[in-house]
């Protein structure tokens, strides 16, 4: 299985990256390939809502020449999409939001003169999230938004791993978080393997 991880943290070695380490290690131990794309540092313009992408139902079709085509190709080729982001102001980081806005148009050919297909229909999606509040108060809006995004895009939502950081003067990563990250990887693998039988 090919896994595409879109990583939305501005910090290369921050909390989100720390949670992803045991998660990706476990995925690879189970024989899967993980490609992590760090969105910070990529040129990701906001969506223009011009709907040029709706003219051809077989391609991304965006008129903007930035790094989004590469992301589109990686997402489309993946068997599982994982969105990994810290929570800023109760939602994902700006580059993640920009990528999601561009993908919802480029992948879903719903917005032209005629309604077309979803190019990623049936693709499983999962969330890996870090936040400073208890997850039920810090990551709940992000999960709700992504559940709706998945329904709209015909993606299969598989769940969320949310880990809390108790403050800048505390160590974030610990053995409990590592165990939960490994367990989440196993859970996703088991769900996908079961669904593919």
Protein backbone atom coordinates (compact mmCIF):
# COMPACT_ATOMS: atom_id res chain seq x y z
CA UNK A 1 0.00 0.00 0.00
CA UNK A 2 1.21 3.47 -0.91
CA UNK A 3 0.60 6.11 1.77
CA UNK A 4 0.76 9.84 1.07
CA UNK A 5 1.19 11.98 4.18
CA UNK A 6 0.60 15.71 3.78
CA UNK A 7 2.41 17.31 6.72
CA UNK A 8 1.20 20.81 7.54
CA UNK A 9 3.47 21.88 10.40
CA UNK A 10 5.86 24.81 9.92
CA UNK A 11 8.32 23.08 12.28
CA UNK A 12 10.29 20.32 10.58
CA UNK A 13 10.97 18.57 13.90
CA UNK A 14 7.94 19.69 15.87
CA UNK A 15 5.21 17.76 17.65
CA UNK A 16 3.44 16.61 14.49
CA UNK A 17 6.68 15.21 13.08
CA UNK A 18 7.36 13.48 16.42
CA UNK A 19 4.00 11.66 16.33
CA UNK A 20 4.50 10.73 12.69
CA UNK A 21 7.82 8.94 13.36
CA UNK A 22 6.39 5.87 15.14
CA UNK A 23 3.31 5.99 12.91
CA UNK A 24 5.30 5.82 9.65
CA UNK A 25 7.77 3.34 11.12
CA UNK A 26 4.89 0.98 11.93
CA UNK A 27 3.34 1.42 8.49
CA UNK A 28 6.67 0.53 6.90
CA UNK A 29 7.10 -2.46 9.24
CA UNK A 30 3.80 -3.74 7.88
CA UNK A 31 5.16 -3.51 4.34
CA UNK A 32 3.70 -0.20 3.21
CA UNK A 33 5.47 2.74 1.55
CA UNK A 34 5.13 6.20 3.11
CA UNK A 35 5.75 9.44 1.23
CA UNK A 36 5.68 12.53 3.43
CA UNK A 37 5.22 15.89 1.73
CA UNK A 38 5.98 18.89 3.94
CA UNK A 39 3.61 21.63 2.83
CA UNK A 40 5.60 24.46 4.44
CA UNK A 41 8.26 25.45 1.96
CA UNK A 42 6.03 24.52 -0.98
CA UNK A 43 4.51 27.24 -3.13
CA UNK A 44 0.77 26.74 -2.58
CA UNK A 45 -1.36 29.60 -3.76
CA UNK A 46 -4.94 29.91 -2.54
CA UNK A 47 -7.73 28.70 -4.80
CA UNK A 48 -8.98 31.37 -7.22
CA UNK A 49 -12.43 29.75 -7.63
CA UNK A 50 -12.07 30.32 -11.38
CA UNK A 51 -13.34 26.78 -12.12
CA UNK A 52 -10.87 26.30 -14.98
CA UNK A 53 -10.12 22.89 -13.43
CA UNK A 54 -13.67 21.78 -14.26
CA UNK A 55 -13.15 21.77 -18.03
CA UNK A 56 -11.28 18.44 -18.20
CA UNK A 57 -12.54 15.64 -15.98
CA UNK A 58 -9.35 13.56 -16.31
CA UNK A 59 -6.70 15.96 -14.96
CA UNK A 60 -6.08 18.40 -12.09
CA UNK A 61 -6.48 21.26 -14.54
CA UNK A 62 -5.49 24.18 -12.31
CA UNK A 63 -4.24 27.27 -14.15
CA UNK A 64 -1.84 28.19 -11.33
CA UNK A 65 1.73 27.01 -11.87
CA UNK A 66 2.89 26.26 -8.33
CA UNK A 67 3.66 23.06 -6.40
CA UNK A 68 0.07 21.85 -6.25
CA UNK A 69 0.28 19.61 -9.33
CA UNK A 70 2.96 17.50 -7.58
CA UNK A 71 0.69 17.16 -4.54
CA UNK A 72 -2.32 16.28 -6.70
CA UNK A 73 -0.32 13.54 -8.44
CA UNK A 74 0.94 12.08 -5.13
CA UNK A 75 -2.54 12.10 -3.57
CA UNK A 76 -4.13 10.53 -6.62
CA UNK A 77 -1.51 7.74 -6.74
CA UNK A 78 -1.84 6.92 -3.02
CA UNK A 79 -3.88 4.10 -1.53
CA UNK A 80 -4.25 6.04 1.73
CA UNK A 81 -4.11 9.79 2.35
CA UNK A 82 -3.03 10.99 5.80
CA UNK A 83 -3.38 14.66 6.75
CA UNK A 84 -0.99 15.52 9.58
CA UNK A 85 -1.26 18.99 11.07
CA UNK A 86 -1.05 20.92 14.30
CA UNK A 87 -4.21 22.77 15.21
CA UNK A 88 -3.96 26.56 15.00
CA UNK A 89 -7.08 28.50 16.03
CA UNK A 90 -9.19 25.31 16.03
CA UNK A 91 -8.32 24.25 12.49
CA UNK A 92 -5.44 23.12 10.29
CA UNK A 93 -2.48 25.29 9.29
CA UNK A 94 -2.76 27.66 6.29
CA UNK A 95 -0.77 25.52 3.81
CA UNK A 96 -2.95 22.50 4.62
CA UNK A 97 -6.09 24.57 4.14
CA UNK A 98 -4.77 25.91 0.83
CA UNK A 99 -3.99 22.38 -0.38
CA UNK A 100 -7.42 21.12 0.68
CA UNK A 101 -9.20 24.01 -1.07
CA UNK A 102 -7.29 23.30 -4.28
CA UNK A 103 -7.89 19.54 -4.04
CA UNK A 104 -11.63 19.86 -3.43
CA UNK A 105 -11.96 21.62 -6.80
CA UNK A 106 -9.26 19.77 -8.75
CA UNK A 107 -10.35 16.31 -7.60
CA UNK A 108 -14.11 16.91 -7.59
CA UNK A 109 -15.43 17.83 -11.02
CA UNK A 110 -18.77 18.93 -9.57
CA UNK A 111 -18.60 22.64 -10.29
CA UNK A 112 -18.71 23.04 -14.06
CA UNK A 113 -21.64 23.38 -16.43
CA UNK A 114 -22.22 19.65 -16.02
CA UNK A 115 -21.54 17.67 -12.84
CA UNK A 116 -18.57 15.37 -13.32
CA UNK A 117 -16.95 12.65 -11.21
CA UNK A 118 -14.85 12.64 -8.06
CA UNK A 119 -11.36 11.60 -9.17
CA UNK A 120 -10.54 10.27 -5.70
CA UNK A 121 -13.84 8.57 -4.84
CA UNK A 122 -13.36 5.75 -2.36
CA UNK A 123 -9.85 6.79 -1.28
CA UNK A 124 -9.32 6.26 2.47
CA UNK A 125 -8.30 9.31 4.51
CA UNK A 126 -7.07 9.63 8.10
CA UNK A 127 -5.96 12.49 10.34
CA UNK A 128 -2.93 12.83 12.63
CA UNK A 129 -3.27 15.96 14.74
CA UNK A 130 -1.52 17.75 17.59
CA UNK A 131 -3.06 20.48 19.68
CA UNK A 132 -2.68 22.42 22.93
CA UNK A 133 -6.19 21.82 24.25
CA UNK A 134 -7.86 18.53 25.10
CA UNK A 135 -8.60 16.97 21.68
CA UNK A 136 -12.36 17.04 22.22
CA UNK A 137 -12.10 20.86 22.52
CA UNK A 138 -9.06 21.48 20.33
CA UNK A 139 -9.36 19.12 17.37
CA UNK A 140 -13.11 18.55 17.22
CA UNK A 141 -13.86 21.25 14.62
CA UNK A 142 -11.05 19.99 12.39
CA UNK A 143 -12.43 16.46 12.54
CA UNK A 144 -16.00 17.62 11.91
CA UNK A 145 -14.88 19.68 8.93
CA UNK A 146 -12.92 16.77 7.48
CA UNK A 147 -15.79 14.34 7.94
CA UNK A 148 -17.92 16.69 5.83
CA UNK A 149 -15.10 17.16 3.33
CA UNK A 150 -14.84 13.37 2.97
CA UNK A 151 -18.59 12.92 2.50
CA UNK A 152 -18.64 15.66 -0.14
CA UNK A 153 -15.60 14.23 -1.97
CA UNK A 154 -16.70 10.56 -1.65
CA UNK A 155 -13.59 9.78 0.43
CA UNK A 156 -13.66 7.09 3.11
CA UNK A 157 -12.95 8.68 6.50
CA UNK A 158 -11.02 6.24 8.73
CA UNK A 159 -10.47 8.28 11.90
CA UNK A 160 -8.18 10.65 13.77
CA UNK A 161 -5.23 10.37 16.12
CA UNK A 162 -5.09 13.55 18.22
CA UNK A 163 -2.33 14.19 20.74
CA UNK A 164 -2.15 17.07 23.21
CA UNK A 165 0.88 19.13 24.19
CA UNK A 166 0.59 20.34 27.78
CA UNK A 167 2.78 23.41 27.33
CA UNK A 168 6.07 24.76 26.04
CA UNK A 169 7.88 23.88 29.27
CA UNK A 170 6.90 20.19 29.01
CA UNK A 171 8.21 17.31 26.89
CA UNK A 172 5.67 16.48 24.21
CA UNK A 173 6.57 12.99 23.02
CA UNK A 174 6.38 10.11 25.47
CA UNK A 175 5.90 6.35 25.44
CA UNK A 176 2.09 6.57 25.67
CA UNK A 177 1.91 8.76 22.55
CA UNK A 178 4.25 6.40 20.72
CA UNK A 179 2.08 3.41 21.65
CA UNK A 180 -1.06 5.21 20.44
CA UNK A 181 0.63 6.22 17.15
CA UNK A 182 1.63 2.61 16.48
CA UNK A 183 -1.85 1.37 17.43
CA UNK A 184 -3.45 3.93 15.07
CA UNK A 185 -1.20 2.75 12.22
CA UNK A 186 -2.24 -0.85 12.93
CA UNK A 187 -5.91 0.14 13.07
CA UNK A 188 -5.70 1.87 9.67
CA UNK A 189 -3.87 -1.07 8.09
CA UNK A 190 -6.42 -3.52 9.49
CA UNK A 191 -9.37 -1.45 8.21
CA UNK A 192 -7.93 -1.11 4.72
CA UNK A 193 -6.92 -4.78 4.50
CA UNK A 194 -10.41 -5.81 5.66
CA UNK A 195 -12.10 -3.52 3.12
CA UNK A 196 -9.94 -4.78 0.25
CA UNK A 197 -10.91 -8.45 0.74
